[in-house]
PDB file of N, CA and C in Angstrom:
ATOM      1  N   MET A   1      -4.894   6.586  -3.808  1.00  0.00           N
ATOM      2  CA  MET A   1      -5.939   5.788  -3.205  1.00  0.00           C
ATOM      3  C   MET A   1      -6.489   6.578  -2.013  1.00  0.00           C
ATOM      4  N   LYS A   2      -7.793   6.610  -1.915  1.00  0.00           N
ATOM      5  CA  LYS A   2      -8.461   7.320  -0.830  1.00  0.00           C
ATOM      6  C   LYS A   2      -9.027   6.324   0.171  1.00  0.00           C
ATOM      7  N   GLY A   3      -9.279   6.792   1.374  1.00  0.00           N
ATOM      8  CA  GLY A   3      -9.847   5.950   2.410  1.00  0.00           C
ATOM      9  C   GLY A   3     -11.240   5.466   2.057  1.00  0.00           C
ATOM     10  N   ASN A   4     -11.995   6.301   1.333  1.00  0.00           N
ATOM     11  CA  ASN A   4     -13.349   5.913   0.931  1.00  0.00           C
ATOM     12  C   ASN A   4     -13.336   4.717  -0.010  1.00  0.00           C
ATOM     13  N   GLU A   5     -12.323   4.626  -0.837  1.00  0.00           N
ATOM     14  CA  GLU A   5     -12.209   3.494  -1.761  1.00  0.00           C
ATOM     15  C   GLU A   5     -11.980   2.194  -0.999  1.00  0.00           C
ATOM     16  N   LEU A   6     -11.257   2.273   0.098  1.00  0.00           N
ATOM     17  CA  LEU A   6     -10.935   1.074   0.868  1.00  0.00           C
ATOM     18  C   LEU A   6     -12.138   0.549   1.635  1.00  0.00           C
ATOM     19  N   LYS A   7     -13.022   1.431   2.028  1.00  0.00           N
ATOM     20  CA  LYS A   7     -14.182   1.007   2.819  1.00  0.00           C
ATOM     21  C   LYS A   7     -15.133   0.142   2.013  1.00  0.00           C
ATOM     22  N   GLY A   8     -15.080   0.247   0.700  1.00  0.00           N
ATOM     23  CA  GLY A   8     -15.941  -0.552  -0.153  1.00  0.00           C
ATOM     24  C   GLY A   8     -15.403  -1.941  -0.447  1.00  0.00           C
ATOM     25  N   LEU A   9     -14.169  -2.205  -0.033  1.00  0.00           N
ATOM     26  CA  LEU A   9     -13.543  -3.499  -0.310  1.00  0.00           C
ATOM     27  C   LEU A   9     -13.832  -4.486   0.824  1.00  0.00           C
ATOM     28  N   THR A  10     -13.779  -5.765   0.480  1.00  0.00           N
ATOM     29  CA  THR A  10     -13.968  -6.805   1.488  1.00  0.00           C
ATOM     30  C   THR A  10     -12.646  -7.063   2.205  1.00  0.00           C
ATOM     31  N   GLN A  11     -12.700  -7.868   3.243  1.00  0.00           N
ATOM     32  CA  GLN A  11     -11.514  -8.213   4.026  1.00  0.00           C
ATOM     33  C   GLN A  11     -10.462  -8.904   3.153  1.00  0.00           C
ATOM     34  N   VAL A  12     -10.900  -9.831   2.331  1.00  0.00           N
ATOM     35  CA  VAL A  12      -9.971 -10.568   1.465  1.00  0.00           C
ATOM     36  C   VAL A  12      -9.341  -9.635   0.436  1.00  0.00           C
ATOM     37  N   GLU A  13     -10.138  -8.735  -0.109  1.00  0.00           N
ATOM     38  CA  GLU A  13      -9.606  -7.794  -1.092  1.00  0.00           C
ATOM     39  C   GLU A  13      -8.590  -6.846  -0.461  1.00  0.00           C
ATOM     40  N   LEU A  14      -8.848  -6.440   0.777  1.00  0.00           N
ATOM     41  CA  LEU A  14      -7.890  -5.573   1.469  1.00  0.00           C
ATOM     42  C   LEU A  14      -6.565  -6.292   1.717  1.00  0.00           C
ATOM     43  N   GLU A  15      -6.635  -7.545   2.115  1.00  0.00           N
ATOM     44  CA  GLU A  15      -5.410  -8.312   2.358  1.00  0.00           C
ATOM     45  C   GLU A  15      -4.630  -8.518   1.061  1.00  0.00           C
ATOM     46  N   LYS A  16      -5.344  -8.750  -0.037  1.00  0.00           N
ATOM     47  CA  LYS A  16      -4.700  -8.898  -1.342  1.00  0.00           C
ATOM     48  C   LYS A  16      -4.048  -7.578  -1.755  1.00  0.00           C
ATOM     49  N   LYS A  17      -4.751  -6.472  -1.531  1.00  0.00           N
ATOM     50  CA  LYS A  17      -4.235  -5.149  -1.861  1.00  0.00           C
ATOM     51  C   LYS A  17      -2.969  -4.857  -1.052  1.00  0.00           C
ATOM     52  N   LEU A  18      -2.966  -5.261   0.222  1.00  0.00           N
ATOM     53  CA  LEU A  18      -1.798  -5.061   1.076  1.00  0.00           C
ATOM     54  C   LEU A  18      -0.597  -5.838   0.556  1.00  0.00           C
ATOM     55  N   GLN A  19      -0.809  -7.075   0.165  1.00  0.00           N
ATOM     56  CA  GLN A  19       0.285  -7.883  -0.392  1.00  0.00           C
ATOM     57  C   GLN A  19       0.821  -7.258  -1.679  1.00  0.00           C
ATOM     58  N   ASP A  20      -0.070  -6.779  -2.537  1.00  0.00           N
ATOM     59  CA  ASP A  20       0.357  -6.148  -3.783  1.00  0.00           C
ATOM     60  C   ASP A  20       1.181  -4.888  -3.519  1.00  0.00           C
ATOM     61  N   LEU A  21       0.720  -4.085  -2.559  1.00  0.00           N
ATOM     62  CA  LEU A  21       1.440  -2.855  -2.239  1.00  0.00           C
ATOM     63  C   LEU A  21       2.807  -3.146  -1.642  1.00  0.00           C
ATOM     64  N   LYS A  22       2.909  -4.177  -0.809  1.00  0.00           N
ATOM     65  CA  LYS A  22       4.207  -4.526  -0.223  1.00  0.00           C
ATOM     66  C   LYS A  22       5.186  -4.998  -1.287  1.00  0.00           C
ATOM     67  N   SER A  23       4.713  -5.780  -2.250  1.00  0.00           N
ATOM     68  CA  SER A  23       5.607  -6.227  -3.323  1.00  0.00           C
ATOM     69  C   SER A  23       5.988  -5.049  -4.221  1.00  0.00           C
ATOM     70  N   GLU A  24       5.058  -4.122  -4.428  1.00  0.00           N
ATOM     71  CA  GLU A  24       5.374  -2.928  -5.217  1.00  0.00           C
ATOM     72  C   GLU A  24       6.428  -2.075  -4.508  1.00  0.00           C
ATOM     73  N   LEU A  25       6.305  -1.938  -3.188  1.00  0.00           N
ATOM     74  CA  LEU A  25       7.287  -1.172  -2.428  1.00  0.00           C
ATOM     75  C   LEU A  25       8.666  -1.814  -2.513  1.00  0.00           C
ATOM     76  N   PHE A  26       8.716  -3.139  -2.454  1.00  0.00           N
ATOM     77  CA  PHE A  26       9.992  -3.841  -2.587  1.00  0.00           C
ATOM     78  C   PHE A  26      10.624  -3.531  -3.946  1.00  0.00           C
ATOM     79  N   ASN A  27       9.820  -3.601  -4.998  1.00  0.00           N
ATOM     80  CA  ASN A  27      10.337  -3.318  -6.335  1.00  0.00           C
ATOM     81  C   ASN A  27      10.797  -1.869  -6.463  1.00  0.00           C
ATOM     82  N   LEU A  28      10.046  -0.943  -5.870  1.00  0.00           N
ATOM     83  CA  LEU A  28      10.441   0.468  -5.926  1.00  0.00           C
ATOM     84  C   LEU A  28      11.759   0.695  -5.204  1.00  0.00           C
ATOM     85  N   ARG A  29      11.927   0.077  -4.038  1.00  0.00           N
ATOM     86  CA  ARG A  29      13.175   0.224  -3.293  1.00  0.00           C
ATOM     87  C   ARG A  29      14.355  -0.375  -4.053  1.00  0.00           C
ATOM     88  N   PHE A  30      14.121  -1.502  -4.693  1.00  0.00           N
ATOM     89  CA  PHE A  30      15.176  -2.151  -5.471  1.00  0.00           C
ATOM     90  C   PHE A  30      15.596  -1.263  -6.640  1.00  0.00           C
ATOM     91  N   ARG A  31      14.600  -0.704  -7.348  1.00  0.00           N
ATOM     92  CA  ARG A  31      14.907   0.172  -8.482  1.00  0.00           C
ATOM     93  C   ARG A  31      15.588   1.456  -8.018  1.00  0.00           C
ATOM     94  N   HIS A  32      15.214   1.954  -6.839  1.00  0.00           N
ATOM     95  CA  HIS A  32      15.843   3.161  -6.312  1.00  0.00           C
ATOM     96  C   HIS A  32      17.314   2.901  -5.976  1.00  0.00           C
ATOM     97  N   ALA A  33      17.590   1.744  -5.388  1.00  0.00           N
ATOM     98  CA  ALA A  33      18.962   1.401  -5.022  1.00  0.00           C
ATOM     99  C   ALA A  33      19.844   1.210  -6.249  1.00  0.00           C
ATOM    100  N   SER A  34      19.254   0.737  -7.336  1.00  0.00           N
ATOM    101  CA  SER A  34      20.040   0.519  -8.544  1.00  0.00           C
ATOM    102  C   SER A  34      20.081   1.755  -9.439  1.00  0.00           C
ATOM    103  N   GLY A  35      19.379   2.820  -9.031  1.00  0.00           N
ATOM    104  CA  GLY A  35      19.431   4.062  -9.785  1.00  0.00           C
ATOM    105  C   GLY A  35      18.487   4.126 -10.963  1.00  0.00           C
ATOM    106  N   GLN A  36      17.535   3.239 -11.038  1.00  0.00           N
ATOM    107  CA  GLN A  36      16.624   3.211 -12.178  1.00  0.00           C
ATOM    108  C   GLN A  36      15.269   3.854 -11.885  1.00  0.00           C
ATOM    109  N   LEU A  37      15.050   4.314 -10.673  1.00  0.00           N
ATOM    110  CA  LEU A  37      13.766   4.893 -10.293  1.00  0.00           C
ATOM    111  C   LEU A  37      13.734   6.360 -10.718  1.00  0.00           C
ATOM    112  N   GLU A  38      12.752   6.710 -11.556  1.00  0.00           N
ATOM    113  CA  GLU A  38      12.654   8.069 -12.061  1.00  0.00           C
ATOM    114  C   GLU A  38      11.980   9.005 -11.062  1.00  0.00           C
ATOM    115  N   ASN A  39      11.006   8.480 -10.302  1.00  0.00           N
ATOM    116  CA  ASN A  39      10.235   9.317  -9.391  1.00  0.00           C
ATOM    117  C   ASN A  39      10.315   8.755  -7.972  1.00  0.00           C
ATOM    118  N   PRO A  40      11.230   9.262  -7.150  1.00  0.00           N
ATOM    119  CA  PRO A  40      11.381   8.730  -5.790  1.00  0.00           C
ATOM    120  C   PRO A  40      10.183   9.016  -4.893  1.00  0.00           C
ATOM    121  N   VAL A  41       9.313   9.925  -5.268  1.00  0.00           N
ATOM    122  CA  VAL A  41       8.121  10.227  -4.473  1.00  0.00           C
ATOM    123  C   VAL A  41       7.162   9.033  -4.482  1.00  0.00           C
ATOM    124  N   SER A  42       7.276   8.178  -5.470  1.00  0.00           N
ATOM    125  CA  SER A  42       6.391   7.021  -5.546  1.00  0.00           C
ATOM    126  C   SER A  42       6.610   6.067  -4.371  1.00  0.00           C
ATOM    127  N   ILE A  43       7.801   6.069  -3.784  1.00  0.00           N
ATOM    128  CA  ILE A  43       8.055   5.241  -2.601  1.00  0.00           C
ATOM    129  C   ILE A  43       7.210   5.747  -1.438  1.00  0.00           C
ATOM    130  N   ARG A  44       7.189   7.055  -1.234  1.00  0.00           N
ATOM    131  CA  ARG A  44       6.406   7.648  -0.158  1.00  0.00           C
ATOM    132  C   ARG A  44       4.912   7.398  -0.365  1.00  0.00           C
ATOM    133  N   THR A  45       4.460   7.520  -1.586  1.00  0.00           N
ATOM    134  CA  THR A  45       3.050   7.282  -1.903  1.00  0.00           C
ATOM    135  C   THR A  45       2.663   5.840  -1.601  1.00  0.00           C
ATOM    136  N   CYS A  46       3.527   4.909  -1.950  1.00  0.00           N
ATOM    137  CA  CYS A  46       3.260   3.496  -1.708  1.00  0.00           C
ATOM    138  C   CYS A  46       3.212   3.208  -0.209  1.00  0.00           C
ATOM    139  N   LYS A  47       4.119   3.808   0.559  1.00  0.00           N
ATOM    140  CA  LYS A  47       4.125   3.616   2.010  1.00  0.00           C
ATOM    141  C   LYS A  47       2.830   4.141   2.633  1.00  0.00           C
ATOM    142  N   ARG A  48       2.358   5.268   2.152  1.00  0.00           N
ATOM    143  CA  ARG A  48       1.117   5.841   2.683  1.00  0.00           C
ATOM    144  C   ARG A  48      -0.085   4.978   2.333  1.00  0.00           C
ATOM    145  N   ASP A  49      -0.073   4.403   1.140  1.00  0.00           N
ATOM    146  CA  ASP A  49      -1.166   3.499   0.764  1.00  0.00           C
ATOM    147  C   ASP A  49      -1.177   2.265   1.657  1.00  0.00           C
ATOM    148  N   ILE A  50       0.003   1.740   1.969  1.00  0.00           N
ATOM    149  CA  ILE A  50       0.103   0.593   2.872  1.00  0.00           C
ATOM    150  C   ILE A  50      -0.451   0.965   4.240  1.00  0.00           C
ATOM    151  N   ALA A  51      -0.127   2.152   4.718  1.00  0.00           N
ATOM    152  CA  ALA A  51      -0.624   2.602   6.013  1.00  0.00           C
ATOM    153  C   ALA A  51      -2.144   2.738   6.001  1.00  0.00           C
ATOM    154  N   ARG A  52      -2.704   3.219   4.904  1.00  0.00           N
ATOM    155  CA  ARG A  52      -4.156   3.351   4.805  1.00  0.00           C
ATOM    156  C   ARG A  52      -4.845   1.992   4.854  1.00  0.00           C
ATOM    157  N   VAL A  53      -4.280   1.032   4.157  1.00  0.00           N
ATOM    158  CA  VAL A  53      -4.868  -0.312   4.147  1.00  0.00           C
ATOM    159  C   VAL A  53      -4.766  -0.922   5.541  1.00  0.00           C
ATOM    160  N   ASN A  54      -3.611  -0.777   6.182  1.00  0.00           N
ATOM    161  CA  ASN A  54      -3.441  -1.308   7.544  1.00  0.00           C
ATOM    162  C   ASN A  54      -4.415  -0.657   8.521  1.00  0.00           C
ATOM    163  N   THR A  55      -4.636   0.630   8.384  1.00  0.00           N
ATOM    164  CA  THR A  55      -5.569   1.336   9.252  1.00  0.00           C
ATOM    165  C   THR A  55      -6.981   0.796   9.085  1.00  0.00           C
ATOM    166  N   GLU A  56      -7.389   0.577   7.850  1.00  0.00           N
ATOM    167  CA  GLU A  56      -8.732   0.047   7.594  1.00  0.00           C
ATOM    168  C   GLU A  56      -8.868  -1.375   8.131  1.00  0.00           C
ATOM    169  N   LEU A  57      -7.843  -2.195   7.969  1.00  0.00           N
ATOM    170  CA  LEU A  57      -7.884  -3.565   8.474  1.00  0.00           C
ATOM    171  C   LEU A  57      -8.001  -3.579  10.002  1.00  0.00           C
ATOM    172  N   ARG A  58      -7.239  -2.724  10.656  1.00  0.00           N
ATOM    173  CA  ARG A  58      -7.291  -2.665  12.127  1.00  0.00           C
ATOM    174  C   ARG A  58      -8.627  -2.112  12.619  1.00  0.00           C
ATOM    175  N   ALA A  59      -9.177  -1.178  11.896  1.00  0.00           N
ATOM    176  CA  ALA A  59     -10.474  -0.612  12.283  1.00  0.00           C
ATOM    177  C   ALA A  59     -11.571  -1.680  12.190  1.00  0.00           C
ATOM    178  N   ARG A  60     -11.464  -2.525  11.188  1.00  0.00           N
ATOM    179  CA  ARG A  60     -12.452  -3.595  11.038  1.00  0.00           C
ATOM    180  C   ARG A  60     -12.299  -4.652  12.122  1.00  0.00           C
ATOM    181  N   LYS A  61     -11.064  -4.925  12.531  1.00  0.00           N
ATOM    182  CA  LYS A  61     -10.847  -5.904  13.594  1.00  0.00           C
ATOM    183  C   LYS A  61     -11.330  -5.381  14.934  1.00  0.00           C
ATOM    184  N   ALA A  62     -11.297  -4.068  15.119  1.00  0.00           N
ATOM    185  CA  ALA A  62     -11.725  -3.477  16.379  1.00  0.00           C
ATOM    186  C   ALA A  62     -13.239  -3.529  16.550  1.00  0.00           C
ATOM    187  N   LYS A  63     -13.956  -3.634  15.446  1.00  0.00           N
ATOM    188  CA  LYS A  63     -15.428  -3.663  15.527  1.00  0.00           C
ATOM    189  C   LYS A  63     -15.958  -4.959  16.001  1.00  0.00           C
TER     190      LYS A  63
END
Protein backbone atom coordinates (compact mmCIF):
# COMPACT_ATOMS: atom_id res chain seq x y z
CA MET A 1 0.00 0.00 0.00
CA LYS A 2 1.33 3.42 -0.94
CA GLY A 3 0.66 6.78 0.65
CA ASN A 4 -0.90 8.03 -2.59
CA GLU A 5 -3.55 5.33 -2.38
CA LEU A 6 -4.54 6.48 1.09
CA LYS A 7 -5.00 10.10 0.10
CA GLY A 8 -7.85 9.11 -2.20
CA LEU A 9 -9.82 7.46 0.60
CA THR A 10 -12.39 9.15 2.82
CA GLN A 11 -12.13 9.41 6.60
CA VAL A 12 -14.56 6.53 7.12
CA GLU A 13 -12.73 4.33 4.65
CA LEU A 14 -9.42 5.03 6.38
CA GLU A 15 -10.86 4.09 9.77
CA LYS A 16 -12.30 0.88 8.29
CA LYS A 17 -8.93 0.10 6.67
CA LEU A 18 -7.21 0.64 10.04
CA GLN A 19 -9.57 -1.78 11.78
CA ASP A 20 -9.01 -4.38 9.06
CA LEU A 21 -5.24 -4.04 9.29
CA LYS A 22 -5.29 -4.36 13.09
CA SER A 23 -7.34 -7.56 12.91
CA GLU A 24 -5.01 -8.88 10.20
CA LEU A 25 -1.99 -8.14 12.40
CA PHE A 26 -3.62 -10.01 15.28
CA ASN A 27 -4.18 -13.03 13.05
CA LEU A 28 -0.61 -12.89 11.73
CA ARG A 29 0.81 -12.76 15.26
CA PHE A 30 -1.38 -15.66 16.33
CA ARG A 31 -0.29 -17.77 13.35
CA HIS A 32 3.36 -16.86 13.99
CA ALA A 33 3.12 -17.95 17.62
CA SER A 34 1.58 -21.27 16.63
CA GLY A 35 4.21 -21.86 13.94
CA GLN A 36 1.85 -21.73 10.98
CA LEU A 37 3.07 -18.45 9.46
CA GLU A 38 5.06 -19.09 6.28
CA ASN A 39 6.25 -15.51 5.70
CA PRO A 40 7.17 -13.60 8.88
CA VAL A 41 7.92 -10.47 6.82
CA SER A 42 4.18 -10.03 6.40
CA ILE A 43 3.98 -8.93 10.05
CA ARG A 44 6.39 -6.06 9.36
CA THR A 45 4.50 -5.10 6.21
CA CYS A 46 1.21 -5.01 8.10
CA LYS A 47 2.71 -2.84 10.85
CA ARG A 48 4.00 -0.37 8.26
CA ASP A 49 0.61 -0.21 6.58
CA ILE A 50 -0.98 0.57 9.96
CA ALA A 51 1.56 3.34 10.48
CA ARG A 52 0.79 4.80 7.05
CA VAL A 53 -2.93 4.87 7.75
CA ASN A 54 -2.36 6.45 11.18
CA THR A 55 -0.11 9.09 9.62
CA GLU A 56 -2.74 10.01 7.05
CA LEU A 57 -5.47 10.17 9.71
CA ARG A 58 -3.37 12.46 11.90
CA ALA A 59 -2.45 14.67 8.96
CA ARG A 60 -6.12 15.14 8.17
CA LYS A 61 -6.93 16.01 11.77
CA ALA A 62 -4.16 18.61 11.80
CA LYS A 63 -5.73 20.46 8.87
